[in-house]
Amino acid sequence: MPHILTSEMRRHFHETGALEVEDFFPKKILSEIRQTVADPLPFIERYHKGHDLFRTQELFRRFDMRKDLVQFVSELSQTHIMHLACDQLFDFRLTDGSALLNSPSSFSDLFSLYPLLVAVLVCLEGEGESVKGQPFPSKVGNTTFFYPDTTVDWKHPSLKGRSFFFLAYAPKGATVRFSPTDPHSAQLKRMDYQEGSPIESRTHPLFRL
């Protein structure tokens, strides 16, 4: 059953910058995604292998473009035309994120698309405490919707032994802004993007709601 965004949920999201929802996705679909990342990898290795999976794997493409998910993000952001910006696997089961980022930073800092509208984190493995100001869901299967400029401590002990799937959406008119902390900027350059180029539907699916 699709989740209904209540006025209370919307208010909580806008006041706190995040909204954690239980069982947003069917357990069967999450089980299929967990199977693809069953074997832990060092953070940086998973990071390189787990970027923009919607381009190469039908399972992730269907997940990222789910009608109920896109509709929920649209209602949260009150935006009716938006792109799928990117997706990314984060695996903290063997190592922390210091191989990529040694200091706290936001997801917006990490990716070369600007602005990002709403980000989504799904907990795939490992339970953890809820940490104020950190957008990572506390339980397996839970999903957090949050503002991508939220600052994250990539070495926080609450992330140890856990893995997540991240995806983000961008408004129509978003552009490429190459980030020095984005190891995937070369992929955008191979798709003929330059600094300041608007993202296109040929590479980032466009939704109209």
Protein backbone atom coordinates (compact mmCIF):
# COMPACT_ATOMS: atom_id res chain seq x y z
CA MET A 1 0.00 0.00 0.00
CA PRO A 2 1.46 3.41 -0.98
CA HIS A 3 2.50 5.62 1.93
CA ILE A 4 0.43 8.76 2.39
CA LEU A 5 2.32 11.91 3.27
CA THR A 6 0.41 13.57 6.10
CA SER A 7 0.60 17.26 7.01
CA GLU A 8 2.34 16.25 10.25
CA MET A 9 5.00 14.29 8.35
CA ARG A 10 5.58 17.19 5.96
CA ARG A 11 5.89 19.62 8.85
CA HIS A 12 8.37 17.34 10.63
CA PHE A 13 10.46 17.07 7.44
CA HIS A 14 10.62 20.83 6.90
CA GLU A 15 11.32 21.60 10.57
CA THR A 16 14.00 18.97 11.16
CA GLY A 17 15.33 18.34 7.66
CA ALA A 18 14.65 14.60 7.78
CA LEU A 19 11.82 12.07 7.97
CA GLU A 20 12.35 8.38 8.83
CA VAL A 21 9.64 6.03 7.59
CA GLU A 22 9.20 2.35 8.49
CA ASP A 23 8.50 -0.24 5.77
CA PHE A 24 8.26 2.25 2.94
CA PHE A 25 9.42 -0.41 0.47
CA PRO A 26 8.10 -3.99 0.21
CA LYS A 27 10.31 -6.50 2.03
CA LYS A 28 10.66 -8.62 -1.14
CA ILE A 29 12.25 -5.77 -3.09
CA LEU A 30 14.64 -4.89 -0.26
CA SER A 31 15.60 -8.55 0.01
CA GLU A 32 16.52 -8.59 -3.69
CA ILE A 33 18.67 -5.51 -3.28
CA ARG A 34 20.36 -6.91 -0.16
CA GLN A 35 21.32 -10.02 -2.11
CA THR A 36 23.34 -7.88 -4.53
CA VAL A 37 25.47 -6.57 -1.64
CA ALA A 38 25.50 -9.68 0.55
CA ASP A 39 29.29 -9.85 0.65
CA PRO A 40 30.86 -6.92 2.55
CA LEU A 41 33.51 -4.85 0.76
CA PRO A 42 35.83 -2.11 2.00
CA PHE A 43 34.02 1.23 1.89
CA ILE A 44 35.96 2.72 -1.02
CA GLU A 45 35.74 -0.43 -3.17
CA ARG A 46 31.97 -0.63 -2.74
CA TYR A 47 31.72 3.10 -3.39
CA HIS A 48 33.42 2.79 -6.77
CA LYS A 49 31.41 -0.26 -7.79
CA GLY A 50 28.07 0.93 -6.43
CA HIS A 51 27.47 4.23 -8.21
CA ASP A 52 24.52 5.00 -10.52
CA LEU A 53 23.44 1.38 -10.60
CA PHE A 54 20.22 2.43 -12.33
CA ARG A 55 22.29 2.72 -15.52
CA THR A 56 23.41 -0.90 -15.55
CA GLN A 57 21.01 -2.96 -13.40
CA GLU A 58 17.28 -3.22 -14.06
CA LEU A 59 16.57 -3.98 -10.38
CA PHE A 60 17.96 -0.61 -9.29
CA ARG A 61 16.41 1.24 -12.21
CA ARG A 62 12.95 -0.03 -11.23
CA PHE A 63 13.63 0.79 -7.59
CA ASP A 64 14.81 4.37 -8.23
CA MET A 65 11.87 5.07 -10.53
CA ARG A 66 9.11 3.57 -8.40
CA LYS A 67 5.96 5.62 -8.81
CA ASP A 68 5.20 5.67 -5.06
CA LEU A 69 8.75 6.82 -4.25
CA VAL A 70 8.84 9.57 -6.86
CA GLN A 71 5.36 10.75 -5.82
CA PHE A 72 6.39 10.88 -2.14
CA VAL A 73 9.51 12.91 -2.96
CA SER A 74 7.46 15.22 -5.17
CA GLU A 75 4.98 15.90 -2.37
CA LEU A 76 7.73 16.40 0.23
CA SER A 77 9.58 18.89 -1.96
CA GLN A 78 6.45 20.35 -3.56
CA THR A 79 8.22 19.94 -6.91
CA HIS A 80 6.38 18.42 -9.85
CA ILE A 81 9.15 18.18 -12.45
CA MET A 82 12.41 16.56 -11.35
CA HIS A 83 15.28 14.32 -12.44
CA LEU A 84 16.69 11.16 -10.94
CA ALA A 85 20.11 12.56 -10.02
CA CYS A 86 22.16 9.59 -8.80
CA ASP A 87 22.25 6.50 -6.63
CA GLN A 88 25.02 5.07 -4.47
CA LEU A 89 25.80 2.15 -2.17
CA PHE A 90 27.50 2.91 1.15
CA ASP A 91 29.10 -0.05 2.93
CA PHE A 92 30.48 0.50 6.43
CA ARG A 93 30.68 -3.20 7.35
CA LEU A 94 34.44 -3.55 6.96
CA THR A 95 35.82 0.00 6.99
CA ASP A 96 34.58 3.52 7.68
CA GLY A 97 34.30 6.31 5.13
CA SER A 98 37.65 7.94 5.89
CA ALA A 99 39.17 6.42 2.73
CA LEU A 100 37.01 8.90 0.82
CA LEU A 101 36.27 11.69 3.29
CA ASN A 102 38.33 12.47 6.38
CA SER A 103 36.07 15.23 7.69
CA PRO A 104 32.31 15.73 8.00
CA SER A 105 30.61 16.89 4.80
CA SER A 106 27.23 16.78 3.14
CA PHE A 107 25.92 14.59 0.35
CA SER A 108 25.62 17.74 -1.75
CA ASP A 109 29.38 18.20 -1.35
CA LEU A 110 30.00 14.66 -2.48
CA PHE A 111 28.14 14.62 -5.80
CA SER A 112 28.70 16.80 -8.86
CA LEU A 113 25.08 17.74 -9.50
CA TYR A 114 23.59 20.94 -8.08
CA PRO A 115 21.20 21.46 -6.51
CA LEU A 116 19.98 18.17 -5.15
CA LEU A 117 16.35 18.35 -4.10
CA VAL A 118 15.63 15.48 -1.71
CA ALA A 119 17.84 12.54 -0.81
CA VAL A 120 16.78 9.06 0.30
CA LEU A 121 18.68 6.55 2.44
CA VAL A 122 17.52 2.95 2.88
CA CYS A 123 19.11 0.78 5.58
CA LEU A 124 20.11 -2.58 4.07
CA GLU A 125 22.16 -4.17 6.84
CA GLY A 126 22.82 -3.53 10.52
CA GLU A 127 20.90 -1.86 13.33
CA GLY A 128 22.09 1.42 14.82
CA GLU A 129 21.11 4.17 17.17
CA SER A 130 19.36 7.28 15.92
CA VAL A 131 21.89 10.10 16.04
CA LYS A 132 20.57 13.65 16.09
CA GLY A 133 21.45 15.46 12.89
CA GLN A 134 22.52 12.27 11.08
CA PRO A 135 20.15 11.07 8.32
CA PHE A 136 20.97 7.35 8.48
CA PRO A 137 17.91 5.19 9.27
CA SER A 138 18.04 3.36 12.59
CA LYS A 139 16.66 -0.02 11.49
CA VAL A 140 17.00 -2.42 8.58
CA GLY A 141 14.25 -1.67 6.07
CA ASN A 142 13.67 1.87 7.31
CA THR A 143 13.96 4.78 4.89
CA THR A 144 15.01 8.36 5.63
CA PHE A 145 14.06 11.27 3.38
CA PHE A 146 16.26 14.30 4.03
CA TYR A 147 17.82 17.48 2.71
CA PRO A 148 21.08 16.59 0.90
CA ASP A 149 22.98 19.50 2.48
CA THR A 150 22.81 17.73 5.85
CA THR A 151 26.35 17.34 7.22
CA VAL A 152 27.43 13.74 7.83
CA ASP A 153 30.18 12.36 10.06
CA TRP A 154 31.48 9.54 7.83
CA LYS A 155 33.44 8.00 10.71
CA HIS A 156 30.64 8.04 13.28
CA PRO A 157 30.69 4.80 15.34
CA SER A 158 26.94 4.30 14.80
CA LEU A 159 27.68 3.45 11.13
CA LYS A 160 30.03 0.57 11.90
CA GLY A 161 28.84 -2.77 10.52
CA ARG A 162 26.03 -1.25 8.45
CA SER A 163 25.20 -0.69 4.77
CA PHE A 164 22.84 1.69 2.98
CA PHE A 165 21.45 2.51 -0.43
CA PHE A 166 21.32 6.20 -1.28
CA LEU A 167 19.51 7.97 -4.08
CA ALA A 168 18.74 11.60 -4.83
CA TYR A 169 16.52 13.68 -7.06
CA ALA A 170 17.24 17.06 -8.63
CA PRO A 171 14.96 19.80 -9.94
CA LYS A 172 14.65 20.50 -13.65
CA GLY A 173 17.39 22.97 -14.45
CA ALA A 174 19.96 21.40 -12.11
CA THR A 175 23.50 21.65 -13.43
CA VAL A 176 26.85 19.90 -13.27
CA ARG A 177 29.19 21.39 -10.67
CA PHE A 178 32.27 19.20 -10.52
CA SER A 179 33.11 18.40 -6.92
CA PRO A 180 36.72 17.66 -5.94
CA THR A 181 35.40 14.98 -3.58
CA ASP A 182 33.40 13.19 -6.28
CA PRO A 183 35.37 10.24 -7.73
CA HIS A 184 32.62 9.77 -10.33
CA SER A 185 32.98 13.14 -12.09
CA ALA A 186 34.84 11.38 -14.91
CA GLN A 187 31.65 9.49 -15.71
CA LEU A 188 29.80 12.77 -16.27
CA LYS A 189 32.61 14.00 -18.52
CA ARG A 190 32.36 10.82 -20.59
CA MET A 191 28.68 11.68 -21.09
CA ASP A 192 29.79 15.04 -22.59
CA TYR A 193 28.95 17.16 -19.54
CA GLN A 194 31.00 20.25 -18.75
CA GLU A 195 31.06 22.57 -15.74
CA GLY A 196 27.70 24.36 -15.64
CA SER A 197 25.96 22.07 -18.13
CA PRO A 198 22.27 21.46 -17.31
CA ILE A 199 21.57 17.78 -16.73
CA GLU A 200 19.51 16.12 -19.45
CA SER A 201 16.86 13.43 -19.51
CA ARG A 202 19.05 11.29 -21.80
CA THR A 203 21.23 10.54 -18.76
CA HIS A 204 19.00 11.44 -15.81
CA PRO A 205 15.34 10.35 -16.20
CA LEU A 206 12.86 13.21 -15.93
CA PHE A 207 9.57 12.83 -14.02
CA ARG A 208 6.50 15.02 -14.48
CA LEU A 209 3.88 14.69 -11.77
